[in-house]
C-alpha atoms as a PDB file:
ATOM      1  CA  MET A   1      12.768  53.553 -18.667  1.00  0.00           C
ATOM      2  CA  LYS A   2      10.740  50.648 -17.257  1.00  0.00           C
ATOM      3  CA  ILE A   3      12.040  47.114 -16.862  1.00  0.00           C
ATOM      4  CA  SER A   4       9.413  44.401 -16.547  1.00  0.00           C
ATOM      5  CA  THR A   5      10.311  40.861 -15.554  1.00  0.00           C
ATOM      6  CA  GLY A   6       8.363  37.707 -14.813  1.00  0.00           C
ATOM      7  CA  ILE A   7       7.154  34.422 -16.190  1.00  0.00           C
ATOM      8  CA  ARG A   8       4.019  34.312 -18.272  1.00  0.00           C
ATOM      9  CA  TYR A   9       2.394  31.059 -19.224  1.00  0.00           C
ATOM     10  CA  CYS A  10      -0.614  30.965 -21.513  1.00  0.00           C
ATOM     11  CA  GLU A  11      -2.205  27.717 -22.629  1.00  0.00           C
ATOM     12  CA  PRO A  12      -5.385  26.886 -24.559  1.00  0.00           C
ATOM     13  CA  GLY A  13      -8.234  26.258 -22.133  1.00  0.00           C
ATOM     14  CA  ILE A  14      -9.319  23.016 -23.786  1.00  0.00           C
ATOM     15  CA  ARG A  15      -5.891  21.490 -23.157  1.00  0.00           C
ATOM     16  CA  ALA A  16      -5.966  22.600 -19.528  1.00  0.00           C
ATOM     17  CA  SER A  17      -9.407  21.013 -19.089  1.00  0.00           C
ATOM     18  CA  ILE A  18      -8.193  17.705 -20.504  1.00  0.00           C
ATOM     19  CA  ARG A  19      -5.171  17.738 -18.197  1.00  0.00           C
ATOM     20  CA  ALA A  20      -7.378  18.507 -15.182  1.00  0.00           C
ATOM     21  CA  MET A  21      -9.681  15.585 -16.051  1.00  0.00           C
ATOM     22  CA  GLN A  22      -6.678  13.281 -16.312  1.00  0.00           C
ATOM     23  CA  VAL A  23      -5.538  14.385 -12.849  1.00  0.00           C
ATOM     24  CA  SER A  24      -9.005  13.726 -11.405  1.00  0.00           C
ATOM     25  CA  ASN A  25      -9.053  10.321 -13.069  1.00  0.00           C
ATOM     26  CA  GLU A  26      -5.664   9.455 -11.537  1.00  0.00           C
ATOM     27  CA  LEU A  27      -6.894  10.468  -8.079  1.00  0.00           C
ATOM     28  CA  LEU A  28     -10.020   8.360  -8.549  1.00  0.00           C
ATOM     29  CA  GLY A  29      -7.799   5.413  -9.488  1.00  0.00           C
ATOM     30  CA  ILE A  30      -5.894   5.715  -6.204  1.00  0.00           C
ATOM     31  CA  THR A  31      -9.174   5.778  -4.269  1.00  0.00           C
ATOM     32  CA  ASN A  32     -10.495   2.769  -6.190  1.00  0.00           C
ATOM     33  CA  GLU A  33      -7.312   0.851  -5.340  1.00  0.00           C
ATOM     34  CA  ASN A  34      -7.825   1.616  -1.646  1.00  0.00           C
ATOM     35  CA  VAL A  35     -11.451   0.490  -1.761  1.00  0.00           C
ATOM     36  CA  SER A  36     -10.436  -2.722  -3.560  1.00  0.00           C
ATOM     37  CA  GLY A  37      -7.834  -3.411  -0.857  1.00  0.00           C
ATOM     38  CA  PHE A  38     -10.290  -2.979   2.025  1.00  0.00           C
ATOM     39  CA  ASP A  39     -10.550  -6.720   2.753  1.00  0.00           C
ATOM     40  CA  LYS A  40      -6.950  -7.629   1.868  1.00  0.00           C
ATOM     41  CA  VAL A  41      -4.633  -8.876   4.616  1.00  0.00           C
ATOM     42  CA  GLY A  42      -1.649  -6.582   5.080  1.00  0.00           C
ATOM     43  CA  TYR A  43      -2.848  -3.925   2.605  1.00  0.00           C
ATOM     44  CA  GLN A  44      -1.863  -0.375   3.492  1.00  0.00           C
ATOM     45  CA  ARG A  45      -3.813   2.626   2.298  1.00  0.00           C
ATOM     46  CA  LYS A  46      -2.202   4.848  -0.333  1.00  0.00           C
ATOM     47  CA  GLU A  47      -2.396   8.615   0.058  1.00  0.00           C
ATOM     48  CA  ALA A  48      -2.243  10.874  -2.980  1.00  0.00           C
ATOM     49  CA  VAL A  49       0.405  13.620  -2.880  1.00  0.00           C
ATOM     50  CA  VAL A  50      -0.426  16.453  -5.266  1.00  0.00           C
ATOM     51  CA  SER A  51       2.449  18.713  -6.348  1.00  0.00           C
ATOM     52  CA  SER A  52       2.107  22.498  -6.458  1.00  0.00           C
ATOM     53  CA  PHE A  53       2.731  22.342 -10.220  1.00  0.00           C
ATOM     54  CA  THR A  54       0.182  19.617 -10.998  1.00  0.00           C
ATOM     55  CA  GLU A  55      -1.843  22.235 -12.863  1.00  0.00           C
ATOM     56  CA  PHE A  56       0.930  22.283 -15.467  1.00  0.00           C
ATOM     57  CA  LEU A  57       2.489  18.825 -14.998  1.00  0.00           C
ATOM     58  CA  GLY A  58      -0.755  16.869 -15.083  1.00  0.00           C
ATOM     59  CA  VAL A  59      -0.599  13.288 -13.778  1.00  0.00           C
ATOM     60  CA  HIS A  60       3.209  13.583 -13.522  1.00  0.00           C
ATOM     61  CA  GLY A  61       2.668  15.912 -10.558  1.00  0.00           C
ATOM     62  CA  ILE A  62       0.930  13.181  -8.531  1.00  0.00           C
ATOM     63  CA  SER A  63       2.712  10.665  -6.311  1.00  0.00           C
ATOM     64  CA  THR A  64       1.618   8.410  -3.456  1.00  0.00           C
ATOM     65  CA  ASN A  65       2.598   7.819   0.150  1.00  0.00           C
ATOM     66  CA  VAL A  66       1.828   4.701   2.176  1.00  0.00           C
ATOM     67  CA  ASP A  67      -0.285   5.126   5.293  1.00  0.00           C
ATOM     68  CA  GLU A  68       1.602   3.059   7.898  1.00  0.00           C
ATOM     69  CA  GLN A  69      -1.139   3.105  10.524  1.00  0.00           C
ATOM     70  CA  VAL A  70      -2.075  -0.329  11.906  1.00  0.00           C
ATOM     71  CA  GLY A  71      -5.105  -1.900  10.251  1.00  0.00           C
ATOM     72  CA  ARG A  72      -7.939  -4.022  11.631  1.00  0.00           C
ATOM     73  CA  ILE A  73      -6.585  -7.005  13.581  1.00  0.00           C
ATOM     74  CA  GLN A  74      -8.862 -10.051  13.696  1.00  0.00           C
ATOM     75  CA  ILE A  75      -8.417 -13.479  15.208  1.00  0.00           C
ATOM     76  CA  SER A  76      -7.813 -16.399  12.827  1.00  0.00           C
ATOM     77  CA  GLU A  77      -6.745 -19.176  15.236  1.00  0.00           C
ATOM     78  CA  ARG A  78      -4.158 -20.444  12.723  1.00  0.00           C
ATOM     79  CA  PRO A  79      -0.827 -20.841  14.561  1.00  0.00           C
ATOM     80  CA  LEU A  80       1.162 -19.489  11.604  1.00  0.00           C
ATOM     81  CA  ASP A  81      -1.006 -16.402  11.100  1.00  0.00           C
ATOM     82  CA  ILE A  82       0.989 -13.521  12.578  1.00  0.00           C
ATOM     83  CA  ALA A  83      -0.003  -9.865  12.929  1.00  0.00           C
ATOM     84  CA  ILE A  84       2.058  -6.847  13.989  1.00  0.00           C
ATOM     85  CA  ALA A  85       0.128  -4.557  16.331  1.00  0.00           C
ATOM     86  CA  THR A  86       2.457  -1.614  15.698  1.00  0.00           C
ATOM     87  CA  LYS A  87       4.211  -0.035  12.723  1.00  0.00           C
ATOM     88  CA  GLY A  88       6.646  -2.409  11.059  1.00  0.00           C
ATOM     89  CA  TYR A  89       7.144  -5.099   8.436  1.00  0.00           C
ATOM     90  CA  PHE A  90       8.160  -8.731   8.150  1.00  0.00           C
ATOM     91  CA  GLN A  91      11.212  -9.410   5.967  1.00  0.00           C
ATOM     92  CA  ILE A  92      10.773 -11.905   3.143  1.00  0.00           C
ATOM     93  CA  ASN A  93      13.617 -13.316   1.052  1.00  0.00           C
ATOM     94  CA  THR A  94      12.556 -13.534  -2.617  1.00  0.00           C
ATOM     95  CA  PRO A  95      14.396 -14.079  -5.936  1.00  0.00           C
ATOM     96  CA  GLN A  96      14.124 -10.307  -6.448  1.00  0.00           C
ATOM     97  CA  GLY A  97      15.703  -9.545  -3.072  1.00  0.00           C
ATOM     98  CA  VAL A  98      14.396  -8.842   0.421  1.00  0.00           C
ATOM     99  CA  LYS A  99      10.855  -7.466   0.442  1.00  0.00           C
ATOM    100  CA  LEU A 100       8.798  -6.006   3.288  1.00  0.00           C
ATOM    101  CA  THR A 101       5.228  -7.012   4.032  1.00  0.00           C
ATOM    102  CA  ARG A 102       2.605  -6.847   6.755  1.00  0.00           C
ATOM    103  CA  ASP A 103       0.884  -9.951   5.431  1.00  0.00           C
ATOM    104  CA  GLY A 104       1.736 -12.492   8.120  1.00  0.00           C
ATOM    105  CA  ARG A 105      -0.097 -15.510   6.693  1.00  0.00           C
ATOM    106  CA  PHE A 106       2.792 -17.951   6.851  1.00  0.00           C
ATOM    107  CA  GLN A 107       3.190 -21.640   6.107  1.00  0.00           C
ATOM    108  CA  MET A 108       5.821 -24.343   6.603  1.00  0.00           C
ATOM    109  CA  ASP A 109       7.343 -26.733   4.084  1.00  0.00           C
ATOM    110  CA  LYS A 110       8.480 -30.327   4.699  1.00  0.00           C
ATOM    111  CA  GLU A 111      11.984 -29.157   5.632  1.00  0.00           C
ATOM    112  CA  GLY A 112      10.706 -26.853   8.364  1.00  0.00           C
ATOM    113  CA  ASN A 113      11.264 -23.567   6.468  1.00  0.00           C
ATOM    114  CA  LEU A 114       8.902 -20.751   7.421  1.00  0.00           C
ATOM    115  CA  LEU A 115       7.471 -19.297   4.186  1.00  0.00           C
ATOM    116  CA  ASN A 116       4.928 -16.724   3.078  1.00  0.00           C
ATOM    117  CA  LEU A 117       2.059 -17.619   0.736  1.00  0.00           C
ATOM    118  CA  GLU A 118       4.234 -17.037  -2.351  1.00  0.00           C
ATOM    119  CA  GLY A 119       6.996 -19.327  -1.071  1.00  0.00           C
ATOM    120  CA  GLY A 120       9.389 -16.594   0.061  1.00  0.00           C
ATOM    121  CA  GLN A 121      11.522 -17.354   3.126  1.00  0.00           C
ATOM    122  CA  VAL A 122      10.706 -15.445   6.300  1.00  0.00           C
ATOM    123  CA  LEU A 123      13.855 -13.856   7.733  1.00  0.00           C
ATOM    124  CA  SER A 124      14.952 -13.636  11.341  1.00  0.00           C
ATOM    125  CA  ASP A 125      16.332 -10.543  13.072  1.00  0.00           C
ATOM    126  CA  SER A 126      19.815 -11.714  12.012  1.00  0.00           C
ATOM    127  CA  GLY A 127      18.785 -11.725   8.349  1.00  0.00           C
ATOM    128  CA  MET A 128      18.818 -15.519   8.049  1.00  0.00           C
ATOM    129  CA  PRO A 129      15.870 -17.655   6.861  1.00  0.00           C
ATOM    130  CA  ILE A 130      13.892 -19.135   9.727  1.00  0.00           C
ATOM    131  CA  LYS A 131      14.013 -22.942   9.731  1.00  0.00           C
ATOM    132  CA  LEU A 132      12.731 -25.208  12.454  1.00  0.00           C
ATOM    133  CA  PRO A 133      14.923 -28.194  13.471  1.00  0.00           C
ATOM    134  CA  PHE A 134      11.914 -30.451  12.829  1.00  0.00           C
ATOM    135  CA  VAL A 135       8.313 -30.181  11.676  1.00  0.00           C
ATOM    136  CA  PRO A 136       5.934 -30.645  14.624  1.00  0.00           C
ATOM    137  CA  GLU A 137       2.954 -32.938  14.285  1.00  0.00           C
ATOM    138  CA  ASP A 138       0.680 -30.123  15.446  1.00  0.00           C
ATOM    139  CA  LEU A 139       1.442 -26.534  14.405  1.00  0.00           C
ATOM    140  CA  LYS A 140      -0.002 -25.395  17.728  1.00  0.00           C
ATOM    141  CA  GLN A 141       3.255 -26.620  19.244  1.00  0.00           C
ATOM    142  CA  ILE A 142       4.887 -23.572  17.636  1.00  0.00           C
ATOM    143  CA  LYS A 143       4.796 -20.563  19.942  1.00  0.00           C
ATOM    144  CA  ILE A 144       5.610 -16.951  19.047  1.00  0.00           C
ATOM    145  CA  ASP A 145       5.693 -14.311  21.772  1.00  0.00           C
ATOM    146  CA  ARG A 146       5.067 -10.576  21.476  1.00  0.00           C
ATOM    147  CA  LYS A 147       8.734  -9.877  20.710  1.00  0.00           C
ATOM    148  CA  GLY A 148       8.641 -12.287  17.775  1.00  0.00           C
ATOM    149  CA  LYS A 149      10.625 -15.051  19.471  1.00  0.00           C
ATOM    150  CA  LEU A 150       9.685 -18.349  17.820  1.00  0.00           C
ATOM    151  CA  SER A 151       9.938 -21.574  19.814  1.00  0.00           C
ATOM    152  CA  VAL A 152       8.773 -25.133  19.205  1.00  0.00           C
ATOM    153  CA  PHE A 153       7.823 -27.834  21.676  1.00  0.00           C
ATOM    154  CA  ASN A 154      10.175 -30.807  21.490  1.00  0.00           C
ATOM    155  CA  PRO A 155       8.306 -34.018  22.496  1.00  0.00           C
ATOM    156  CA  GLN A 156      11.581 -35.802  23.210  1.00  0.00           C
ATOM    157  CA  THR A 157      12.879 -33.312  25.751  1.00  0.00           C
ATOM    158  CA  ARG A 158       9.384 -32.166  26.744  1.00  0.00           C
ATOM    159  CA  LYS A 159      10.607 -28.593  26.554  1.00  0.00           C
ATOM    160  CA  LEU A 160       9.901 -25.496  24.492  1.00  0.00           C
ATOM    161  CA  GLU A 161      13.039 -24.871  22.436  1.00  0.00           C
ATOM    162  CA  TYR A 162      13.955 -21.465  21.025  1.00  0.00           C
ATOM    163  CA  VAL A 163      14.404 -21.354  17.214  1.00  0.00           C
ATOM    164  CA  ALA A 164      14.762 -17.728  16.098  1.00  0.00           C
ATOM    165  CA  THR A 165      13.369 -14.215  16.474  1.00  0.00           C
ATOM    166  CA  MET A 166      11.318 -12.900  13.569  1.00  0.00           C
ATOM    167  CA  GLY A 167      12.863  -9.880  11.900  1.00  0.00           C
ATOM    168  CA  VAL A 168      10.488  -6.903  12.160  1.00  0.00           C
ATOM    169  CA  VAL A 169      11.770  -3.637  10.685  1.00  0.00           C
ATOM    170  CA  ASP A 170      10.410  -0.221   9.741  1.00  0.00           C
ATOM    171  CA  SER A 171      10.124   1.096   6.178  1.00  0.00           C
ATOM    172  CA  THR A 172      13.820   2.082   6.193  1.00  0.00           C
ATOM    173  CA  GLY A 173      15.005  -1.367   7.326  1.00  0.00           C
ATOM    174  CA  VAL A 174      15.747  -0.409  10.933  1.00  0.00           C
ATOM    175  CA  ALA A 175      14.770  -3.031  13.502  1.00  0.00           C
ATOM    176  CA  VAL A 176      11.604  -2.371  15.518  1.00  0.00           C
ATOM    177  CA  MET A 177      12.469  -2.847  19.180  1.00  0.00           C
ATOM    178  CA  HIS A 178       8.929  -3.597  20.418  1.00  0.00           C
ATOM    179  CA  PRO A 179       7.005  -5.121  17.484  1.00  0.00           C
ATOM    180  CA  ASP A 180       4.024  -6.430  19.545  1.00  0.00           C
ATOM    181  CA  VAL A 181       3.613  -9.614  17.509  1.00  0.00           C
ATOM    182  CA  LYS A 182       0.291 -11.458  17.809  1.00  0.00           C
ATOM    183  CA  GLN A 183       0.128 -15.160  16.964  1.00  0.00           C
ATOM    184  CA  GLY A 184      -3.145 -16.471  15.565  1.00  0.00           C
ATOM    185  CA  TYR A 185      -4.265 -13.117  14.170  1.00  0.00           C
ATOM    186  CA  ASN A 186      -4.494 -11.422  10.755  1.00  0.00           C
ATOM    187  CA  GLU A 187      -4.179  -7.712  10.086  1.00  0.00           C
ATOM    188  CA  TYR A 188      -6.567  -6.464   7.441  1.00  0.00           C
ATOM    189  CA  SER A 189      -6.241  -3.121   5.653  1.00  0.00           C
ATOM    190  CA  ASN A 190      -6.235   0.255   7.393  1.00  0.00           C
ATOM    191  CA  VAL A 191      -8.725   1.598   4.828  1.00  0.00           C
ATOM    192  CA  SER A 192     -11.890   3.329   6.057  1.00  0.00           C
ATOM    193  CA  LEU A 193     -14.582   3.036   3.374  1.00  0.00           C
ATOM    194  CA  GLN A 194     -16.497   5.980   4.807  1.00  0.00           C
ATOM    195  CA  ASN A 195     -13.471   8.267   4.618  1.00  0.00           C
ATOM    196  CA  GLU A 196     -12.651   7.092   1.088  1.00  0.00           C
ATOM    197  CA  PHE A 197     -16.173   7.845  -0.142  1.00  0.00           C
ATOM    198  CA  LEU A 198     -16.180  11.271   1.515  1.00  0.00           C
ATOM    199  CA  ALA A 199     -12.773  12.143   0.083  1.00  0.00           C
ATOM    200  CA  VAL A 200     -13.720  11.123  -3.448  1.00  0.00           C
ATOM    201  CA  MET A 201     -16.675  13.522  -3.781  1.00  0.00           C
ATOM    202  CA  PRO A 202     -14.598  16.712  -4.387  1.00  0.00           C
ATOM    203  CA  THR A 203     -12.592  14.833  -7.037  1.00  0.00           C
ATOM    204  CA  ILE A 204     -15.775  13.747  -8.830  1.00  0.00           C
ATOM    205  CA  ARG A 205     -17.136  17.295  -8.736  1.00  0.00           C
ATOM    206  CA  ALA A 206     -13.847  18.669 -10.105  1.00  0.00           C
ATOM    207  CA  PHE A 207     -13.913  16.106 -12.926  1.00  0.00           C
ATOM    208  CA  GLU A 208     -17.508  16.995 -13.854  1.00  0.00           C
ATOM    209  CA  ALA A 209     -16.743  20.739 -13.761  1.00  0.00           C
ATOM    210  CA  ASN A 210     -13.781  20.360 -16.119  1.00  0.00           C
ATOM    211  CA  ARG A 211     -15.823  18.034 -18.320  1.00  0.00           C
ATOM    212  CA  GLN A 212     -18.511  20.701 -18.712  1.00  0.00           C
ATOM    213  CA  ILE A 213     -15.878  23.332 -19.500  1.00  0.00           C
ATOM    214  CA  PHE A 214     -14.358  21.001 -22.097  1.00  0.00           C
ATOM    215  CA  ILE A 215     -17.774  20.479 -23.729  1.00  0.00           C
ATOM    216  CA  MET A 216     -18.446  24.234 -23.813  1.00  0.00           C
ATOM    217  CA  GLN A 217     -15.027  24.985 -25.318  1.00  0.00           C
ATOM    218  CA  ASN A 218     -15.369  22.209 -27.861  1.00  0.00           C
ATOM    219  CA  THR A 219     -18.825  23.492 -28.858  1.00  0.00           C
ATOM    220  CA  ASN A 220     -17.484  27.030 -29.314  1.00  0.00           C
ATOM    221  CA  ILE A 221     -14.623  25.760 -31.487  1.00  0.00           C
ATOM    222  CA  GLN A 222     -17.058  23.805 -33.651  1.00  0.00           C
ATOM    223  CA  LYS A 223     -19.221  26.921 -34.062  1.00  0.00           C
ATOM    224  CA  ALA A 224     -16.214  29.024 -34.983  1.00  0.00           C
ATOM    225  CA  VAL A 225     -15.012  26.485 -37.546  1.00  0.00           C
ATOM    226  CA  SER A 226     -18.538  26.249 -38.990  1.00  0.00           C
ATOM    227  CA  GLN A 227     -18.828  30.021 -39.290  1.00  0.00           C
ATOM    228  CA  LEU A 228     -15.406  30.325 -40.923  1.00  0.00           C
ATOM    229  CA  GLY A 229     -16.400  27.610 -43.383  1.00  0.00           C
ATOM    230  CA  SER A 230     -19.629  29.295 -44.332  1.00  0.00           C
ATOM    231  CA  ALA A 231     -17.932  32.679 -44.663  1.00  0.00           C
ATOM    232  CA  SER A 232     -15.433  31.332 -47.183  1.00  0.00           C
END
């Protein structure tokens, strides 16, 4: 007596080719998104994570991770442009809840609230919106040190008065102890165009290979159907 066990999976080749092309197309989409975000402030590169069962799951076996490496930091000379020279995120209060971002292009309203470009309130390390006691005539009177401590020069007292410390946290919401904040700088994406173009070539070749297989299988099916039709 012989007992045989195991899992056997057999699928038409044409369906497998279509699924493989869909996977390649999804991977190309992730690369295209990275290339499009090359010149965006605060954009972080997305890395494709391919599951071991993607061959059977198709696009459902693909997910993405965020590359948290620091991007290209360039000077802007705007006092409210802030960059983080280490891993971490600013906290922004929005109608949908607190969101994290590395885009430090901030602005100030007439009430002295520190806002991002979409109007969300920038939060301090205590979780409260940052609001200056008054709006300075010159934004250069606002000073932010490397730890994120924000101060403003008061012309009446002729002193630099502390306002709040910017809340910089990691992806899990834990405070970053040494954020290395840079005032007057923007951080552009951490995307390398050369690496993206090199990485995309195997995906293009895989897509073309499965496309050729699909064409061959489709041609064979058409021949078989034609022959069966003529035989009847």
